[in-house]
């Protein structure tokens, strides 16, 4: 038997695109930004421990009663092998592991998908897609259009930012147009998102 703490506020995906959004529960920008920062910190901790999650997505980011992040679902995670040096230096983790691509369409790093080499950049790319979801009202994957031709939010985000049209992508409920401070913060987040997505 596995026992887990009950996470009362569901997943980030529930708030952005699912049942909680439909019920009118909207996350303001500062809350979304805090969620992004906490999720990034959790991934940094994993990567420093030599663990690659391999399925970073908004439905695997759980939110507790205080909307604090719990990264979940380690069923696909992979431990990087240790590389032992011949000198007296401490062992370090390998830069990557070779493995068949695993994860969720729309979030998988294209390099990992093509070359079957998973590394911390694979999770970082997936986190970039989550950043795009946090900014946008769109999900990373839209199965309603065509289940075999899935439009990727990552491509749309890169296109909008490169053409200086981020405002066309931003969720209208965030106050991007009305509030300068929010607009600057979302623009910064968008630039981080595109730099992460372009790493691949």
C-alpha atoms as a PDB file:
ATOM      1  CA  UNK A   1       0.000   0.000   0.000  1.00  0.00           C
ATOM      2  CA  UNK A   2       1.203   3.494  -0.818  1.00  0.00           C
ATOM      3  CA  UNK A   3       0.108   6.391   1.388  1.00  0.00           C
ATOM      4  CA  UNK A   4       0.299   9.946   0.060  1.00  0.00           C
ATOM      5  CA  UNK A   5      -0.543  13.327   1.493  1.00  0.00           C
ATOM      6  CA  UNK A   6      -3.871  14.587   0.143  1.00  0.00           C
ATOM      7  CA  UNK A   7      -3.227  17.526  -2.176  1.00  0.00           C
ATOM      8  CA  UNK A   8      -6.414  19.529  -1.877  1.00  0.00           C
ATOM      9  CA  UNK A   9      -6.022  21.980  -4.768  1.00  0.00           C
ATOM     10  CA  UNK A  10      -5.617  19.438  -7.542  1.00  0.00           C
ATOM     11  CA  UNK A  11      -3.164  19.935 -10.375  1.00  0.00           C
ATOM     12  CA  UNK A  12      -1.913  22.999 -12.196  1.00  0.00           C
ATOM     13  CA  UNK A  13      -3.660  21.632 -15.300  1.00  0.00           C
ATOM     14  CA  UNK A  14      -6.988  21.599 -13.397  1.00  0.00           C
ATOM     15  CA  UNK A  15      -6.580  25.313 -12.692  1.00  0.00           C
ATOM     16  CA  UNK A  16      -5.351  26.293 -16.154  1.00  0.00           C
ATOM     17  CA  UNK A  17      -7.577  24.186 -18.418  1.00  0.00           C
ATOM     18  CA  UNK A  18      -9.704  21.764 -16.421  1.00  0.00           C
ATOM     19  CA  UNK A  19     -12.511  21.465 -13.946  1.00  0.00           C
ATOM     20  CA  UNK A  20     -11.346  24.228 -11.601  1.00  0.00           C
ATOM     21  CA  UNK A  21     -11.114  26.772 -14.420  1.00  0.00           C
ATOM     22  CA  UNK A  22     -14.606  25.791 -15.574  1.00  0.00           C
ATOM     23  CA  UNK A  23     -15.843  26.404 -12.019  1.00  0.00           C
ATOM     24  CA  UNK A  24     -14.433  29.941 -12.210  1.00  0.00           C
ATOM     25  CA  UNK A  25     -11.342  29.354 -10.045  1.00  0.00           C
ATOM     26  CA  UNK A  26      -8.735  31.532 -11.754  1.00  0.00           C
ATOM     27  CA  UNK A  27      -5.095  31.762 -10.709  1.00  0.00           C
ATOM     28  CA  UNK A  28      -3.833  35.365 -10.694  1.00  0.00           C
ATOM     29  CA  UNK A  29      -0.455  36.095 -12.272  1.00  0.00           C
ATOM     30  CA  UNK A  30       1.560  36.326  -9.018  1.00  0.00           C
ATOM     31  CA  UNK A  31       0.265  32.873  -7.990  1.00  0.00           C
ATOM     32  CA  UNK A  32       1.155  31.392 -11.389  1.00  0.00           C
ATOM     33  CA  UNK A  33       4.628  32.915 -11.156  1.00  0.00           C
ATOM     34  CA  UNK A  34       5.162  31.442  -7.669  1.00  0.00           C
ATOM     35  CA  UNK A  35       4.070  28.028  -8.964  1.00  0.00           C
ATOM     36  CA  UNK A  36       6.574  28.300 -11.829  1.00  0.00           C
ATOM     37  CA  UNK A  37       9.391  29.254  -9.437  1.00  0.00           C
ATOM     38  CA  UNK A  38       8.603  26.396  -7.030  1.00  0.00           C
ATOM     39  CA  UNK A  39       8.364  23.857  -9.862  1.00  0.00           C
ATOM     40  CA  UNK A  40      11.711  25.061 -11.273  1.00  0.00           C
ATOM     41  CA  UNK A  41      13.292  24.732  -7.814  1.00  0.00           C
ATOM     42  CA  UNK A  42      11.969  21.178  -7.484  1.00  0.00           C
ATOM     43  CA  UNK A  43      13.408  20.232 -10.883  1.00  0.00           C
ATOM     44  CA  UNK A  44      16.770  21.806 -10.001  1.00  0.00           C
ATOM     45  CA  UNK A  45      16.839  19.709  -6.811  1.00  0.00           C
ATOM     46  CA  UNK A  46      16.101  16.536  -8.801  1.00  0.00           C
ATOM     47  CA  UNK A  47      18.744  17.325 -11.414  1.00  0.00           C
ATOM     48  CA  UNK A  48      21.367  18.039  -8.741  1.00  0.00           C
ATOM     49  CA  UNK A  49      20.563  14.569  -7.394  1.00  0.00           C
ATOM     50  CA  UNK A  50      21.048  12.972 -10.826  1.00  0.00           C
ATOM     51  CA  UNK A  51      17.329  12.315 -11.375  1.00  0.00           C
ATOM     52  CA  UNK A  52      15.563  13.098 -14.644  1.00  0.00           C
ATOM     53  CA  UNK A  53      11.764  13.216 -14.252  1.00  0.00           C
ATOM     54  CA  UNK A  54      10.937  12.538 -17.958  1.00  0.00           C
ATOM     55  CA  UNK A  55       7.257  13.535 -17.642  1.00  0.00           C
ATOM     56  CA  UNK A  56       7.182  17.167 -16.548  1.00  0.00           C
ATOM     57  CA  UNK A  57       3.744  18.577 -17.383  1.00  0.00           C
ATOM     58  CA  UNK A  58       1.056  20.706 -15.776  1.00  0.00           C
ATOM     59  CA  UNK A  59      -0.969  17.668 -14.674  1.00  0.00           C
ATOM     60  CA  UNK A  60       2.066  16.380 -12.718  1.00  0.00           C
ATOM     61  CA  UNK A  61       2.381  19.618 -10.746  1.00  0.00           C
ATOM     62  CA  UNK A  62       0.157  19.217  -7.700  1.00  0.00           C
ATOM     63  CA  UNK A  63      -0.970  22.125  -5.515  1.00  0.00           C
ATOM     64  CA  UNK A  64      -1.605  21.828  -1.777  1.00  0.00           C
ATOM     65  CA  UNK A  65      -3.937  23.913   0.391  1.00  0.00           C
ATOM     66  CA  UNK A  66      -1.549  26.886   0.224  1.00  0.00           C
ATOM     67  CA  UNK A  67      -0.997  26.424  -3.538  1.00  0.00           C
ATOM     68  CA  UNK A  68       2.534  25.162  -2.860  1.00  0.00           C
ATOM     69  CA  UNK A  69       3.948  22.864  -5.533  1.00  0.00           C
ATOM     70  CA  UNK A  70       4.441  19.121  -5.235  1.00  0.00           C
ATOM     71  CA  UNK A  71       6.010  17.607  -8.346  1.00  0.00           C
ATOM     72  CA  UNK A  72       4.444  14.167  -8.812  1.00  0.00           C
ATOM     73  CA  UNK A  73       4.453  10.976 -10.885  1.00  0.00           C
ATOM     74  CA  UNK A  74       7.959   9.583 -10.881  1.00  0.00           C
ATOM     75  CA  UNK A  75       6.940   6.437 -12.765  1.00  0.00           C
ATOM     76  CA  UNK A  76       9.072   7.379 -15.784  1.00  0.00           C
ATOM     77  CA  UNK A  77      11.948   9.011 -13.913  1.00  0.00           C
ATOM     78  CA  UNK A  78      15.496   7.914 -14.588  1.00  0.00           C
ATOM     79  CA  UNK A  79      18.623   8.100 -12.461  1.00  0.00           C
ATOM     80  CA  UNK A  80      21.708   9.193 -14.367  1.00  0.00           C
ATOM     81  CA  UNK A  81      24.619   6.772 -13.971  1.00  0.00           C
ATOM     82  CA  UNK A  82      27.525   7.747 -11.727  1.00  0.00           C
ATOM     83  CA  UNK A  83      30.863   8.334 -13.396  1.00  0.00           C
ATOM     84  CA  UNK A  84      33.735   7.386 -11.112  1.00  0.00           C
ATOM     85  CA  UNK A  85      36.980   9.139 -11.870  1.00  0.00           C
ATOM     86  CA  UNK A  86      40.367   7.516 -11.377  1.00  0.00           C
ATOM     87  CA  UNK A  87      41.592  10.409  -9.246  1.00  0.00           C
ATOM     88  CA  UNK A  88      40.468  11.107  -5.696  1.00  0.00           C
ATOM     89  CA  UNK A  89      37.711  13.421  -6.915  1.00  0.00           C
ATOM     90  CA  UNK A  90      34.145  12.548  -5.970  1.00  0.00           C
ATOM     91  CA  UNK A  91      32.041  10.649  -8.490  1.00  0.00           C
ATOM     92  CA  UNK A  92      29.794  12.772 -10.705  1.00  0.00           C
ATOM     93  CA  UNK A  93      26.672  12.018 -12.679  1.00  0.00           C
ATOM     94  CA  UNK A  94      26.868  11.278 -16.401  1.00  0.00           C
ATOM     95  CA  UNK A  95      25.620  14.043 -18.664  1.00  0.00           C
ATOM     96  CA  UNK A  96      22.897  11.846 -20.168  1.00  0.00           C
ATOM     97  CA  UNK A  97      21.444   8.347 -20.381  1.00  0.00           C
ATOM     98  CA  UNK A  98      20.453   6.515 -23.541  1.00  0.00           C
ATOM     99  CA  UNK A  99      16.852   5.358 -23.403  1.00  0.00           C
ATOM    100  CA  UNK A 100      13.744   5.147 -25.540  1.00  0.00           C
ATOM    101  CA  UNK A 101      11.681   8.370 -25.393  1.00  0.00           C
ATOM    102  CA  UNK A 102       9.008   8.401 -22.695  1.00  0.00           C
ATOM    103  CA  UNK A 103       6.619  11.135 -21.653  1.00  0.00           C
ATOM    104  CA  UNK A 104       3.599  13.013 -22.937  1.00  0.00           C
ATOM    105  CA  UNK A 105       3.115  14.378 -26.460  1.00  0.00           C
ATOM    106  CA  UNK A 106       3.474  18.140 -26.526  1.00  0.00           C
ATOM    107  CA  UNK A 107       6.000  18.141 -23.679  1.00  0.00           C
ATOM    108  CA  UNK A 108       8.743  15.816 -24.988  1.00  0.00           C
ATOM    109  CA  UNK A 109      12.050  17.430 -25.856  1.00  0.00           C
ATOM    110  CA  UNK A 110      12.543  17.048 -29.651  1.00  0.00           C
ATOM    111  CA  UNK A 111      16.253  16.192 -29.195  1.00  0.00           C
ATOM    112  CA  UNK A 112      15.412  13.437 -26.717  1.00  0.00           C
ATOM    113  CA  UNK A 113      12.728  12.156 -29.078  1.00  0.00           C
ATOM    114  CA  UNK A 114      15.132  12.106 -32.033  1.00  0.00           C
ATOM    115  CA  UNK A 115      18.383  10.911 -30.436  1.00  0.00           C
ATOM    116  CA  UNK A 116      17.106   8.838 -27.451  1.00  0.00           C
ATOM    117  CA  UNK A 117      19.449  10.647 -25.061  1.00  0.00           C
ATOM    118  CA  UNK A 118      17.749  11.933 -21.921  1.00  0.00           C
ATOM    119  CA  UNK A 119      19.372  14.612 -19.758  1.00  0.00           C
ATOM    120  CA  UNK A 120      18.384  17.499 -17.523  1.00  0.00           C
ATOM    121  CA  UNK A 121      17.725  19.602 -20.646  1.00  0.00           C
ATOM    122  CA  UNK A 122      14.900  17.183 -21.509  1.00  0.00           C
ATOM    123  CA  UNK A 123      13.040  18.144 -18.309  1.00  0.00           C
ATOM    124  CA  UNK A 124      13.982  21.785 -18.843  1.00  0.00           C
ATOM    125  CA  UNK A 125      12.343  21.763 -22.280  1.00  0.00           C
ATOM    126  CA  UNK A 126       9.172  20.229 -20.790  1.00  0.00           C
ATOM    127  CA  UNK A 127       9.207  22.928 -18.109  1.00  0.00           C
ATOM    128  CA  UNK A 128       9.368  25.535 -20.896  1.00  0.00           C
ATOM    129  CA  UNK A 129       6.103  24.120 -22.253  1.00  0.00           C
ATOM    130  CA  UNK A 130       4.604  24.395 -18.746  1.00  0.00           C
ATOM    131  CA  UNK A 131       5.733  28.055 -18.645  1.00  0.00           C
ATOM    132  CA  UNK A 132       3.905  28.623 -21.932  1.00  0.00           C
ATOM    133  CA  UNK A 133       0.772  27.043 -20.412  1.00  0.00           C
ATOM    134  CA  UNK A 134       1.061  29.297 -17.352  1.00  0.00           C
ATOM    135  CA  UNK A 135       1.084  32.379 -19.593  1.00  0.00           C
ATOM    136  CA  UNK A 136      -1.486  31.219 -22.142  1.00  0.00           C
ATOM    137  CA  UNK A 137      -5.118  30.107 -21.981  1.00  0.00           C
ATOM    138  CA  UNK A 138      -4.172  27.207 -24.295  1.00  0.00           C
ATOM    139  CA  UNK A 139      -3.226  23.660 -23.278  1.00  0.00           C
ATOM    140  CA  UNK A 140       0.077  22.177 -24.477  1.00  0.00           C
ATOM    141  CA  UNK A 141      -1.845  19.501 -26.360  1.00  0.00           C
ATOM    142  CA  UNK A 142      -5.227  19.943 -28.039  1.00  0.00           C
ATOM    143  CA  UNK A 143      -6.731  16.539 -28.734  1.00  0.00           C
ATOM    144  CA  UNK A 144      -9.990  18.104 -29.927  1.00  0.00           C
ATOM    145  CA  UNK A 145      -8.445  19.352 -33.173  1.00  0.00           C
ATOM    146  CA  UNK A 146      -6.970  16.114 -34.485  1.00  0.00           C
ATOM    147  CA  UNK A 147      -5.617  13.399 -32.234  1.00  0.00           C
ATOM    148  CA  UNK A 148      -2.972  12.457 -34.822  1.00  0.00           C
ATOM    149  CA  UNK A 149      -1.826  15.996 -35.649  1.00  0.00           C
ATOM    150  CA  UNK A 150      -1.331  17.590 -32.254  1.00  0.00           C
ATOM    151  CA  UNK A 151      -0.504  21.313 -32.377  1.00  0.00           C
ATOM    152  CA  UNK A 152       2.239  22.123 -29.902  1.00  0.00           C
ATOM    153  CA  UNK A 153       1.887  25.200 -27.716  1.00  0.00           C
ATOM    154  CA  UNK A 154       5.692  25.390 -27.695  1.00  0.00           C
ATOM    155  CA  UNK A 155       5.797  26.198 -31.431  1.00  0.00           C
ATOM    156  CA  UNK A 156       3.097  28.839 -31.073  1.00  0.00           C
ATOM    157  CA  UNK A 157       4.886  30.422 -28.111  1.00  0.00           C
ATOM    158  CA  UNK A 158       8.205  30.630 -29.943  1.00  0.00           C
ATOM    159  CA  UNK A 159       6.482  32.146 -32.968  1.00  0.00           C
ATOM    160  CA  UNK A 160       4.645  34.804 -30.936  1.00  0.00           C
ATOM    161  CA  UNK A 161       7.700  35.802 -28.894  1.00  0.00           C
ATOM    162  CA  UNK A 162      10.014  35.917 -31.909  1.00  0.00           C
ATOM    163  CA  UNK A 163       7.494  38.153 -33.708  1.00  0.00           C
ATOM    164  CA  UNK A 164       7.079  40.348 -30.600  1.00  0.00           C
ATOM    165  CA  UNK A 165       3.420  39.359 -30.372  1.00  0.00           C
ATOM    166  CA  UNK A 166       3.384  37.735 -26.925  1.00  0.00           C
ATOM    167  CA  UNK A 167       0.278  39.780 -26.079  1.00  0.00           C
ATOM    168  CA  UNK A 168      -1.665  37.622 -28.590  1.00  0.00           C
ATOM    169  CA  UNK A 169      -0.808  34.500 -26.579  1.00  0.00           C
ATOM    170  CA  UNK A 170      -1.367  35.749 -23.014  1.00  0.00           C
ATOM    171  CA  UNK A 171      -4.425  34.656 -21.037  1.00  0.00           C
ATOM    172  CA  UNK A 172      -6.733  37.745 -20.979  1.00  0.00           C
ATOM    173  CA  UNK A 173      -7.564  37.214 -17.281  1.00  0.00           C
ATOM    174  CA  UNK A 174      -3.963  38.007 -16.230  1.00  0.00           C
ATOM    175  CA  UNK A 175      -4.154  41.794 -16.692  1.00  0.00           C
ATOM    176  CA  UNK A 176      -1.383  41.946 -19.316  1.00  0.00           C
ATOM    177  CA  UNK A 177      -2.869  44.977 -21.066  1.00  0.00           C
ATOM    178  CA  UNK A 178      -4.002  46.914 -17.993  1.00  0.00           C
ATOM    179  CA  UNK A 179      -1.053  46.561 -15.587  1.00  0.00           C
ATOM    180  CA  UNK A 180       2.522  47.518 -16.477  1.00  0.00           C
ATOM    181  CA  UNK A 181       4.130  45.476 -13.684  1.00  0.00           C
ATOM    182  CA  UNK A 182       2.278  42.323 -14.737  1.00  0.00           C
ATOM    183  CA  UNK A 183       3.092  42.965 -18.399  1.00  0.00           C
ATOM    184  CA  UNK A 184       6.829  43.292 -17.615  1.00  0.00           C
ATOM    185  CA  UNK A 185       6.781  40.149 -15.477  1.00  0.00           C
ATOM    186  CA  UNK A 186       4.949  38.114 -18.145  1.00  0.00           C
ATOM    187  CA  UNK A 187       7.348  39.395 -20.819  1.00  0.00           C
ATOM    188  CA  UNK A 188      10.314  38.255 -18.683  1.00  0.00           C
ATOM    189  CA  UNK A 189       8.691  34.875 -18.147  1.00  0.00           C
ATOM    190  CA  UNK A 190       8.049  34.608 -21.883  1.00  0.00           C
ATOM    191  CA  UNK A 191      11.698  35.333 -22.634  1.00  0.00           C
ATOM    192  CA  UNK A 192      12.764  32.642 -20.159  1.00  0.00           C
ATOM    193  CA  UNK A 193      10.272  30.268 -21.766  1.00  0.00           C
ATOM    194  CA  UNK A 194      11.577  30.817 -25.278  1.00  0.00           C
ATOM    195  CA  UNK A 195      15.216  30.474 -24.189  1.00  0.00           C
ATOM    196  CA  UNK A 196      14.330  27.154 -22.544  1.00  0.00           C
ATOM    197  CA  UNK A 197      12.352  25.901 -25.570  1.00  0.00           C
ATOM    198  CA  UNK A 198      15.138  26.998 -27.929  1.00  0.00           C
ATOM    199  CA  UNK A 199      17.727  24.938 -25.978  1.00  0.00           C
ATOM    200  CA  UNK A 200      16.542  21.847 -27.770  1.00  0.00           C
END
